[in-house]
Amino acid sequence: MNPDDANGQTLVPDQRMEDGVLPFQPINNGQPASRLRFTIRRELEFIGVVVLAGMVSFFVLRIMPGYRVAGISSQPAPFTPLSMPSITPSLSPQISQAVATSASPVASGSPSSLSVVYPSTSTTAMQVSPDGTYQALLQSKDDGSGTKMSTFFTSRTDSSGSATLIYSRSPDAHTFLTIPYNTFSPGNRYVFLQETVDGVPHFLVFQTSGNRFVDGQQYLDVSSLFAAYTSSEVLYQVTGWASDTLLIIETDYGVGPSFWFDLAGQTFVPLSTRF
């Protein structure tokens, strides 16, 4: 660098080094002017940015479909759809026979006689008596062909005796059975089951031993007996036991009066307190 500038001023080197470059300060009547800030490192950074931008532009133009770098065509290349060979699915005789065998037995071998066989299912619900000595089990089976069977039975939890069949029926799509939480009476002498038909609950009381009642009935339908007792209220729910022979009944969706059902006399007792 020429130590004399265009105005005849004398440039003297600054004693400090910045960015690896020795700047010069012009002397103008003894007063230092603004030092130069443009360094070699900044020049290299600027050049690097320009080169990087050029490479990115070239790469973008290169990968864009339908555009060519040489000549920079502004029109996309014509699209040519791919033609796929026609494939007709078919099963080999061995595979066809396997599918027919696993789906259903075919009487005549005609495809029109094929039918689907669903697997059989079985579920079991259980409630244990308050003292833990008895258990009530409700087993529901579906053989896969549309035939269903629900079986309600009791047994001792210590496996000292065989299970006692209490009740069984073949429900349809509008009927299902459930075991209430407080199904056992305090002395485990009685047990009740909820059977819902078309959305209407029926509460059935059985003897845990499987024996019939004195009048020969297998069970007492509390809902039917209550409907015959009064038409002012509708039985809503049987919540449990007040004693070994008294069931607690709620009416009118829980907002009506409560009743006791006495199994001994098969009578209803209105209560002053709502349960």
C-alpha atoms as a PDB file:
ATOM      1  CA  MET A   1       0.000   0.000   0.000  1.00  0.00           C
ATOM      2  CA  ASN A   2       1.243   3.476  -0.841  1.00  0.00           C
ATOM      3  CA  PRO A   3       1.927   5.315   2.383  1.00  0.00           C
ATOM      4  CA  ASP A   4       0.850   8.553   0.665  1.00  0.00           C
ATOM      5  CA  ASP A   5      -2.801   8.956  -0.225  1.00  0.00           C
ATOM      6  CA  ALA A   6      -4.276  10.834  -3.159  1.00  0.00           C
ATOM      7  CA  ASN A   7      -4.372  14.110  -1.240  1.00  0.00           C
ATOM      8  CA  GLY A   8      -0.723  14.029  -0.373  1.00  0.00           C
ATOM      9  CA  GLN A   9      -1.414  13.054   3.163  1.00  0.00           C
ATOM     10  CA  THR A  10       1.047  10.839   4.926  1.00  0.00           C
ATOM     11  CA  LEU A  11      -0.282   7.479   6.215  1.00  0.00           C
ATOM     12  CA  VAL A  12       1.327   6.096   9.309  1.00  0.00           C
ATOM     13  CA  PRO A  13       0.726   2.519  10.461  1.00  0.00           C
ATOM     14  CA  ASP A  14      -1.473   1.962  13.469  1.00  0.00           C
ATOM     15  CA  GLN A  15       0.223   0.040  16.235  1.00  0.00           C
ATOM     16  CA  ARG A  16      -2.776  -2.312  16.727  1.00  0.00           C
ATOM     17  CA  MET A  17      -3.483  -5.367  14.603  1.00  0.00           C
ATOM     18  CA  GLU A  18      -7.112  -6.184  13.758  1.00  0.00           C
ATOM     19  CA  ASP A  19      -8.245  -9.247  11.833  1.00  0.00           C
ATOM     20  CA  GLY A  20      -4.673  -9.988  10.765  1.00  0.00           C
ATOM     21  CA  VAL A  21      -4.360  -6.778   8.720  1.00  0.00           C
ATOM     22  CA  LEU A  22      -2.265  -3.766   9.587  1.00  0.00           C
ATOM     23  CA  PRO A  23      -4.481  -0.742   8.891  1.00  0.00           C
ATOM     24  CA  PHE A  24      -3.177   2.737   8.179  1.00  0.00           C
ATOM     25  CA  GLN A  25      -4.457   6.001   9.492  1.00  0.00           C
ATOM     26  CA  PRO A  26      -4.322   9.107   7.341  1.00  0.00           C
ATOM     27  CA  ILE A  27      -2.794  12.142   8.987  1.00  0.00           C
ATOM     28  CA  ASN A  28      -4.814  15.263   8.281  1.00  0.00           C
ATOM     29  CA  ASN A  29      -3.531  18.260  10.173  1.00  0.00           C
ATOM     30  CA  GLY A  30      -2.522  15.897  12.968  1.00  0.00           C
ATOM     31  CA  GLN A  31      -6.078  14.402  13.358  1.00  0.00           C
ATOM     32  CA  PRO A  32      -6.640  10.583  12.573  1.00  0.00           C
ATOM     33  CA  ALA A  33      -9.476   9.773  10.095  1.00  0.00           C
ATOM     34  CA  SER A  34     -11.836   6.698  10.180  1.00  0.00           C
ATOM     35  CA  ARG A  35      -9.816   3.520   9.768  1.00  0.00           C
ATOM     36  CA  LEU A  36     -10.580   1.049   7.030  1.00  0.00           C
ATOM     37  CA  ARG A  37     -12.796  -1.882   8.167  1.00  0.00           C
ATOM     38  CA  PHE A  38     -12.883  -3.960   5.033  1.00  0.00           C
ATOM     39  CA  THR A  39     -10.556  -6.879   5.731  1.00  0.00           C
ATOM     40  CA  ILE A  40      -9.402  -9.886   3.788  1.00  0.00           C
ATOM     41  CA  ARG A  41     -11.563 -12.221   5.922  1.00  0.00           C
ATOM     42  CA  ARG A  42     -14.729 -10.312   5.030  1.00  0.00           C
ATOM     43  CA  GLU A  43     -13.787 -10.384   1.365  1.00  0.00           C
ATOM     44  CA  LEU A  44     -13.392 -14.180   1.526  1.00  0.00           C
ATOM     45  CA  GLU A  45     -16.743 -14.549   3.329  1.00  0.00           C
ATOM     46  CA  PHE A  46     -18.491 -12.530   0.647  1.00  0.00           C
ATOM     47  CA  ILE A  47     -16.905 -14.575  -2.136  1.00  0.00           C
ATOM     48  CA  GLY A  48     -17.895 -17.822  -0.372  1.00  0.00           C
ATOM     49  CA  VAL A  49     -21.547 -16.692  -0.122  1.00  0.00           C
ATOM     50  CA  VAL A  50     -21.665 -15.865  -3.832  1.00  0.00           C
ATOM     51  CA  VAL A  51     -20.171 -19.238  -4.801  1.00  0.00           C
ATOM     52  CA  LEU A  52     -22.582 -21.123  -2.496  1.00  0.00           C
ATOM     53  CA  ALA A  53     -25.592 -19.277  -3.953  1.00  0.00           C
ATOM     54  CA  GLY A  54     -24.472 -20.199  -7.440  1.00  0.00           C
ATOM     55  CA  MET A  55     -24.122 -23.873  -6.554  1.00  0.00           C
ATOM     56  CA  VAL A  56     -27.588 -23.954  -4.945  1.00  0.00           C
ATOM     57  CA  SER A  57     -29.155 -22.318  -8.021  1.00  0.00           C
ATOM     58  CA  PHE A  58     -27.470 -24.835 -10.313  1.00  0.00           C
ATOM     59  CA  PHE A  59     -28.624 -27.762  -8.147  1.00  0.00           C
ATOM     60  CA  VAL A  60     -32.254 -26.516  -8.047  1.00  0.00           C
ATOM     61  CA  LEU A  61     -32.377 -26.080 -11.822  1.00  0.00           C
ATOM     62  CA  ARG A  62     -30.769 -29.480 -12.297  1.00  0.00           C
ATOM     63  CA  ILE A  63     -33.258 -31.507 -10.247  1.00  0.00           C
ATOM     64  CA  MET A  64     -36.470 -29.745 -11.363  1.00  0.00           C
ATOM     65  CA  PRO A  65     -38.339 -32.195 -13.638  1.00  0.00           C
ATOM     66  CA  GLY A  66     -38.735 -31.074 -17.247  1.00  0.00           C
ATOM     67  CA  TYR A  67     -36.038 -28.378 -17.129  1.00  0.00           C
ATOM     68  CA  ARG A  68     -32.603 -28.571 -18.651  1.00  0.00           C
ATOM     69  CA  VAL A  69     -29.562 -26.720 -17.430  1.00  0.00           C
ATOM     70  CA  ALA A  70     -27.948 -26.490 -20.860  1.00  0.00           C
ATOM     71  CA  GLY A  71     -30.068 -23.968 -22.691  1.00  0.00           C
ATOM     72  CA  ILE A  72     -32.274 -23.344 -19.583  1.00  0.00           C
ATOM     73  CA  SER A  73     -35.498 -24.392 -21.265  1.00  0.00           C
ATOM     74  CA  SER A  74     -38.521 -22.676 -19.721  1.00  0.00           C
ATOM     75  CA  GLN A  75     -40.964 -25.293 -21.006  1.00  0.00           C
ATOM     76  CA  PRO A  76     -41.402 -28.568 -19.099  1.00  0.00           C
ATOM     77  CA  ALA A  77     -40.701 -31.774 -20.917  1.00  0.00           C
ATOM     78  CA  PRO A  78     -43.845 -33.557 -22.155  1.00  0.00           C
ATOM     79  CA  PHE A  79     -45.246 -36.099 -19.716  1.00  0.00           C
ATOM     80  CA  THR A  80     -45.362 -39.676 -20.929  1.00  0.00           C
ATOM     81  CA  PRO A  81     -47.560 -41.931 -18.803  1.00  0.00           C
ATOM     82  CA  LEU A  82     -46.166 -45.300 -17.877  1.00  0.00           C
ATOM     83  CA  SER A  83     -47.963 -48.265 -19.334  1.00  0.00           C
ATOM     84  CA  MET A  84     -48.342 -51.158 -16.923  1.00  0.00           C
ATOM     85  CA  PRO A  85     -48.880 -54.693 -18.127  1.00  0.00           C
ATOM     86  CA  SER A  86     -52.355 -56.074 -17.546  1.00  0.00           C
ATOM     87  CA  ILE A  87     -52.439 -58.483 -14.607  1.00  0.00           C
ATOM     88  CA  THR A  88     -55.424 -60.775 -14.123  1.00  0.00           C
ATOM     89  CA  PRO A  89     -55.541 -62.221 -10.590  1.00  0.00           C
ATOM     90  CA  SER A  90     -56.103 -65.906 -10.429  1.00  0.00           C
ATOM     91  CA  LEU A  91     -55.766 -68.609  -7.842  1.00  0.00           C
ATOM     92  CA  SER A  92     -54.080 -71.869  -8.504  1.00  0.00           C
ATOM     93  CA  PRO A  93     -56.227 -75.013  -8.035  1.00  0.00           C
ATOM     94  CA  GLN A  94     -54.381 -75.816  -4.810  1.00  0.00           C
ATOM     95  CA  ILE A  95     -55.031 -72.358  -3.320  1.00  0.00           C
ATOM     96  CA  SER A  96     -58.683 -72.347  -4.406  1.00  0.00           C
ATOM     97  CA  GLN A  97     -59.243 -75.683  -2.688  1.00  0.00           C
ATOM     98  CA  ALA A  98     -57.571 -74.424   0.521  1.00  0.00           C
ATOM     99  CA  VAL A  99     -59.784 -71.317   0.670  1.00  0.00           C
ATOM    100  CA  ALA A 100     -62.945 -73.336   0.155  1.00  0.00           C
ATOM    101  CA  THR A 101     -61.966 -75.845   2.839  1.00  0.00           C
ATOM    102  CA  SER A 102     -61.121 -73.228   5.468  1.00  0.00           C
ATOM    103  CA  ALA A 103     -64.234 -71.096   4.842  1.00  0.00           C
ATOM    104  CA  SER A 104     -66.941 -73.738   5.037  1.00  0.00           C
ATOM    105  CA  PRO A 105     -67.689 -77.303   3.948  1.00  0.00           C
ATOM    106  CA  VAL A 106     -69.016 -77.282   0.391  1.00  0.00           C
ATOM    107  CA  ALA A 107     -71.693 -79.874  -0.312  1.00  0.00           C
ATOM    108  CA  SER A 108     -71.693 -79.703  -4.118  1.00  0.00           C
ATOM    109  CA  GLY A 109     -68.342 -78.072  -4.745  1.00  0.00           C
ATOM    110  CA  SER A 110     -70.083 -75.107  -6.365  1.00  0.00           C
ATOM    111  CA  PRO A 111     -68.804 -71.621  -5.417  1.00  0.00           C
ATOM    112  CA  SER A 112     -72.406 -70.548  -4.832  1.00  0.00           C
ATOM    113  CA  SER A 113     -72.638 -72.899  -1.850  1.00  0.00           C
ATOM    114  CA  LEU A 114     -69.735 -71.302   0.057  1.00  0.00           C
ATOM    115  CA  SER A 115     -70.590 -69.915   3.500  1.00  0.00           C
ATOM    116  CA  VAL A 116     -68.557 -68.239   6.224  1.00  0.00           C
ATOM    117  CA  VAL A 117     -68.057 -70.028   9.538  1.00  0.00           C
ATOM    118  CA  TYR A 118     -67.332 -67.754  12.512  1.00  0.00           C
ATOM    119  CA  PRO A 119     -65.246 -68.990  15.436  1.00  0.00           C
ATOM    120  CA  SER A 120     -66.993 -69.904  18.665  1.00  0.00           C
ATOM    121  CA  THR A 121     -66.615 -67.547  21.622  1.00  0.00           C
ATOM    122  CA  SER A 122     -67.071 -67.898  25.375  1.00  0.00           C
ATOM    123  CA  THR A 123     -67.069 -65.265  28.140  1.00  0.00           C
ATOM    124  CA  THR A 124     -67.524 -65.640  31.903  1.00  0.00           C
ATOM    125  CA  ALA A 125     -68.578 -63.008  34.464  1.00  0.00           C
ATOM    126  CA  MET A 126     -68.223 -63.608  38.203  1.00  0.00           C
ATOM    127  CA  GLN A 127     -69.293 -62.136  41.543  1.00  0.00           C
ATOM    128  CA  VAL A 128     -68.144 -63.364  44.969  1.00  0.00           C
ATOM    129  CA  SER A 129     -70.341 -63.398  48.063  1.00  0.00           C
ATOM    130  CA  PRO A 130     -69.577 -60.873  50.844  1.00  0.00           C
ATOM    131  CA  ASP A 131     -68.032 -63.544  53.081  1.00  0.00           C
ATOM    132  CA  GLY A 132     -65.993 -64.948  50.198  1.00  0.00           C
ATOM    133  CA  THR A 133     -67.348 -68.515  50.466  1.00  0.00           C
ATOM    134  CA  TYR A 134     -69.552 -68.571  47.331  1.00  0.00           C
ATOM    135  CA  GLN A 135     -69.222 -67.334  43.802  1.00  0.00           C
ATOM    136  CA  ALA A 136     -71.790 -66.753  41.073  1.00  0.00           C
ATOM    137  CA  LEU A 137     -70.713 -67.254  37.474  1.00  0.00           C
ATOM    138  CA  LEU A 138     -72.454 -66.335  34.249  1.00  0.00           C
ATOM    139  CA  GLN A 139     -71.057 -68.080  31.188  1.00  0.00           C
ATOM    140  CA  SER A 140     -72.087 -66.930  27.715  1.00  0.00           C
ATOM    141  CA  LYS A 141     -71.265 -69.061  24.674  1.00  0.00           C
ATOM    142  CA  ASP A 142     -71.679 -68.506  20.951  1.00  0.00           C
ATOM    143  CA  ASP A 143     -70.953 -71.502  18.730  1.00  0.00           C
ATOM    144  CA  GLY A 144     -70.342 -69.284  15.684  1.00  0.00           C
ATOM    145  CA  SER A 145     -73.487 -70.315  13.826  1.00  0.00           C
ATOM    146  CA  GLY A 146     -75.806 -67.917  15.653  1.00  0.00           C
ATOM    147  CA  THR A 147     -76.730 -70.221  18.524  1.00  0.00           C
ATOM    148  CA  LYS A 148     -76.097 -68.593  21.914  1.00  0.00           C
ATOM    149  CA  MET A 149     -76.424 -69.959  25.410  1.00  0.00           C
ATOM    150  CA  SER A 150     -76.124 -68.207  28.776  1.00  0.00           C
ATOM    151  CA  THR A 151     -75.677 -70.316  31.892  1.00  0.00           C
ATOM    152  CA  PHE A 152     -75.883 -69.037  35.465  1.00  0.00           C
ATOM    153  CA  PHE A 153     -74.525 -71.238  38.240  1.00  0.00           C
ATOM    154  CA  THR A 154     -73.063 -71.017  41.733  1.00  0.00           C
ATOM    155  CA  SER A 155     -70.253 -72.846  43.471  1.00  0.00           C
ATOM    156  CA  ARG A 156     -68.144 -72.670  46.592  1.00  0.00           C
ATOM    157  CA  THR A 157     -64.895 -70.805  46.240  1.00  0.00           C
ATOM    158  CA  ASP A 158     -62.929 -73.537  48.047  1.00  0.00           C
ATOM    159  CA  SER A 159     -63.854 -76.085  45.331  1.00  0.00           C
ATOM    160  CA  SER A 160     -65.322 -78.387  47.971  1.00  0.00           C
ATOM    161  CA  GLY A 161     -68.351 -79.122  45.824  1.00  0.00           C
ATOM    162  CA  SER A 162     -69.395 -79.141  42.197  1.00  0.00           C
ATOM    163  CA  ALA A 163     -71.018 -76.138  40.524  1.00  0.00           C
ATOM    164  CA  THR A 164     -74.794 -75.862  40.847  1.00  0.00           C
ATOM    165  CA  LEU A 165     -76.758 -74.935  37.752  1.00  0.00           C
ATOM    166  CA  ILE A 166     -79.153 -72.127  38.606  1.00  0.00           C
ATOM    167  CA  TYR A 167     -80.526 -70.871  35.296  1.00  0.00           C
ATOM    168  CA  SER A 168     -79.860 -71.151  31.567  1.00  0.00           C
ATOM    169  CA  ARG A 169     -81.451 -69.742  28.466  1.00  0.00           C
ATOM    170  CA  SER A 170     -80.697 -69.042  24.817  1.00  0.00           C
ATOM    171  CA  PRO A 171     -80.869 -65.249  24.471  1.00  0.00           C
ATOM    172  CA  ASP A 172     -81.519 -63.365  21.248  1.00  0.00           C
ATOM    173  CA  ALA A 173     -80.121 -60.040  20.080  1.00  0.00           C
ATOM    174  CA  HIS A 174     -82.566 -58.158  22.342  1.00  0.00           C
ATOM    175  CA  THR A 175     -81.875 -60.103  25.542  1.00  0.00           C
ATOM    176  CA  PHE A 176     -78.819 -60.217  27.765  1.00  0.00           C
ATOM    177  CA  LEU A 177     -78.011 -61.320  31.302  1.00  0.00           C
ATOM    178  CA  THR A 178     -75.842 -59.601  33.921  1.00  0.00           C
ATOM    179  CA  ILE A 179     -74.821 -60.379  37.501  1.00  0.00           C
ATOM    180  CA  PRO A 180     -75.547 -57.460  39.866  1.00  0.00           C
ATOM    181  CA  TYR A 181     -72.809 -56.408  42.272  1.00  0.00           C
ATOM    182  CA  ASN A 182     -74.810 -57.325  45.399  1.00  0.00           C
ATOM    183  CA  THR A 183     -76.160 -60.554  43.979  1.00  0.00           C
ATOM    184  CA  PHE A 184     -75.788 -62.705  47.139  1.00  0.00           C
ATOM    185  CA  SER A 185     -78.014 -62.314  50.188  1.00  0.00           C
ATOM    186  CA  PRO A 186     -76.149 -61.853  53.515  1.00  0.00           C
ATOM    187  CA  GLY A 187     -76.450 -65.547  54.418  1.00  0.00           C
ATOM    188  CA  ASN A 188     -75.789 -66.712  50.832  1.00  0.00           C
ATOM    189  CA  ARG A 189     -79.206 -68.399  50.774  1.00  0.00           C
ATOM    190  CA  TYR A 190     -80.479 -66.398  47.799  1.00  0.00           C
ATOM    191  CA  VAL A 191     -78.969 -64.834  44.700  1.00  0.00           C
ATOM    192  CA  PHE A 192     -80.539 -62.595  42.064  1.00  0.00           C
ATOM    193  CA  LEU A 193     -79.843 -62.027  38.387  1.00  0.00           C
ATOM    194  CA  GLN A 194     -80.708 -59.179  35.997  1.00  0.00           C
ATOM    195  CA  GLU A 195     -82.251 -60.133  32.672  1.00  0.00           C
ATOM    196  CA  THR A 196     -82.837 -57.235  30.271  1.00  0.00           C
ATOM    197  CA  VAL A 197     -85.345 -57.740  27.441  1.00  0.00           C
ATOM    198  CA  ASP A 198     -85.806 -54.953  24.882  1.00  0.00           C
ATOM    199  CA  GLY A 199     -84.272 -52.497  27.342  1.00  0.00           C
ATOM    200  CA  VAL A 200     -86.614 -53.440  30.214  1.00  0.00           C
ATOM    201  CA  PRO A 201     -84.840 -54.933  33.265  1.00  0.00           C
ATOM    202  CA  HIS A 202     -86.212 -58.005  35.030  1.00  0.00           C
ATOM    203  CA  PHE A 203     -84.762 -59.075  38.368  1.00  0.00           C
ATOM    204  CA  LEU A 204     -84.930 -62.811  39.040  1.00  0.00           C
ATOM    205  CA  VAL A 205     -84.343 -64.274  42.520  1.00  0.00           C
ATOM    206  CA  PHE A 206     -83.065 -67.871  42.882  1.00  0.00           C
ATOM    207  CA  GLN A 207     -82.097 -70.134  45.738  1.00  0.00           C
ATOM    208  CA  THR A 208     -78.333 -70.614  45.832  1.00  0.00           C
ATOM    209  CA  SER A 209     -78.825 -74.331  46.311  1.00  0.00           C
ATOM    210  CA  GLY A 210     -80.669 -74.586  42.997  1.00  0.00           C
ATOM    211  CA  ASN A 211     -83.843 -75.788  44.725  1.00  0.00           C
ATOM    212  CA  ARG A 212     -87.237 -74.453  43.739  1.00  0.00           C
ATOM    213  CA  PHE A 213     -89.431 -72.269  45.922  1.00  0.00           C
ATOM    214  CA  VAL A 214     -92.349 -73.642  47.932  1.00  0.00           C
ATOM    215  CA  ASP A 215     -94.852 -72.982  45.143  1.00  0.00           C
ATOM    216  CA  GLY A 216     -92.628 -74.856  42.678  1.00  0.00           C
ATOM    217  CA  GLN A 217     -91.276 -71.816  40.882  1.00  0.00           C
ATOM    218  CA  GLN A 218     -87.679 -71.899  39.713  1.00  0.00           C
ATOM    219  CA  TYR A 219     -87.290 -68.179  40.420  1.00  0.00           C
ATOM    220  CA  LEU A 220     -89.229 -65.109  41.536  1.00  0.00           C
ATOM    221  CA  ASP A 221     -89.599 -62.388  38.908  1.00  0.00           C
ATOM    222  CA  VAL A 222     -89.545 -59.299  41.130  1.00  0.00           C
ATOM    223  CA  SER A 223     -90.316 -56.940  38.232  1.00  0.00           C
ATOM    224  CA  SER A 224     -93.489 -58.788  37.210  1.00  0.00           C
ATOM    225  CA  LEU A 225     -94.636 -59.076  40.821  1.00  0.00           C
ATOM    226  CA  PHE A 226     -94.090 -55.340  41.363  1.00  0.00           C
ATOM    227  CA  ALA A 227     -96.039 -54.448  38.202  1.00  0.00           C
ATOM    228  CA  ALA A 228     -98.941 -56.533  39.558  1.00  0.00           C
ATOM    229  CA  TYR A 229     -98.590 -54.856  42.969  1.00  0.00           C
ATOM    230  CA  THR A 230     -98.856 -51.232  41.776  1.00  0.00           C
ATOM    231  CA  SER A 231     -99.157 -49.215  38.599  1.00  0.00           C
ATOM    232  CA  SER A 232     -98.282 -45.907  40.262  1.00  0.00           C
ATOM    233  CA  GLU A 233     -94.547 -46.535  40.154  1.00  0.00           C
ATOM    234  CA  VAL A 234     -92.221 -48.379  37.801  1.00  0.00           C
ATOM    235  CA  LEU A 235     -89.512 -50.637  39.176  1.00  0.00           C
ATOM    236  CA  TYR A 236     -86.176 -49.127  38.216  1.00  0.00           C
ATOM    237  CA  GLN A 237     -83.516 -51.132  40.004  1.00  0.00           C
ATOM    238  CA  VAL A 238     -82.828 -53.678  42.719  1.00  0.00           C
ATOM    239  CA  THR A 239     -79.822 -52.320  44.601  1.00  0.00           C
ATOM    240  CA  GLY A 240     -79.146 -55.142  47.056  1.00  0.00           C
ATOM    241  CA  TRP A 241     -80.234 -56.740  50.277  1.00  0.00           C
ATOM    242  CA  ALA A 242     -81.538 -55.235  53.515  1.00  0.00           C
ATOM    243  CA  SER A 243     -81.547 -58.684  55.173  1.00  0.00           C
ATOM    244  CA  ASP A 244     -81.378 -62.307  54.102  1.00  0.00           C
ATOM    245  CA  THR A 245     -84.965 -62.150  52.792  1.00  0.00           C
ATOM    246  CA  LEU A 246     -85.456 -58.421  51.997  1.00  0.00           C
ATOM    247  CA  LEU A 247     -84.479 -56.858  48.666  1.00  0.00           C
ATOM    248  CA  ILE A 248     -84.188 -53.062  48.282  1.00  0.00           C
ATOM    249  CA  ILE A 249     -86.062 -51.629  45.283  1.00  0.00           C
ATOM    250  CA  GLU A 250     -85.775 -48.221  43.617  1.00  0.00           C
ATOM    251  CA  THR A 251     -88.568 -46.852  41.430  1.00  0.00           C
ATOM    252  CA  ASP A 252     -89.110 -44.201  38.749  1.00  0.00           C
ATOM    253  CA  TYR A 253     -85.438 -43.940  37.680  1.00  0.00           C
ATOM    254  CA  GLY A 254     -84.317 -43.423  41.263  1.00  0.00           C
ATOM    255  CA  VAL A 255     -86.554 -40.452  42.076  1.00  0.00           C
ATOM    256  CA  GLY A 256     -89.605 -42.417  43.253  1.00  0.00           C
ATOM    257  CA  PRO A 257     -90.219 -44.080  46.625  1.00  0.00           C
ATOM    258  CA  SER A 258     -88.207 -47.107  47.721  1.00  0.00           C
ATOM    259  CA  PHE A 259     -89.620 -50.493  48.690  1.00  0.00           C
ATOM    260  CA  TRP A 260     -88.625 -53.708  50.343  1.00  0.00           C
ATOM    261  CA  PHE A 261     -89.499 -56.996  48.686  1.00  0.00           C
ATOM    262  CA  ASP A 262     -90.101 -59.718  51.260  1.00  0.00           C
ATOM    263  CA  LEU A 263     -89.233 -63.100  49.761  1.00  0.00           C
ATOM    264  CA  ALA A 264     -90.996 -65.014  52.538  1.00  0.00           C
ATOM    265  CA  GLY A 265     -94.431 -63.568  51.816  1.00  0.00           C
ATOM    266  CA  GLN A 266     -93.655 -62.251  48.320  1.00  0.00           C
ATOM    267  CA  THR A 267     -94.967 -58.849  49.359  1.00  0.00           C
ATOM    268  CA  PHE A 268     -93.759 -55.256  48.957  1.00  0.00           C
ATOM    269  CA  VAL A 269     -93.259 -52.823  51.843  1.00  0.00           C
ATOM    270  CA  PRO A 270     -93.141 -49.063  51.018  1.00  0.00           C
ATOM    271  CA  LEU A 271     -90.369 -47.171  52.836  1.00  0.00           C
ATOM    272  CA  SER A 272     -90.386 -43.616  54.125  1.00  0.00           C
ATOM    273  CA  THR A 273     -86.704 -43.187  53.228  1.00  0.00           C
ATOM    274  CA  ARG A 274     -85.500 -43.275  49.643  1.00  0.00           C
ATOM    275  CA  PHE A 275     -82.487 -45.506  49.071  1.00  0.00           C
END
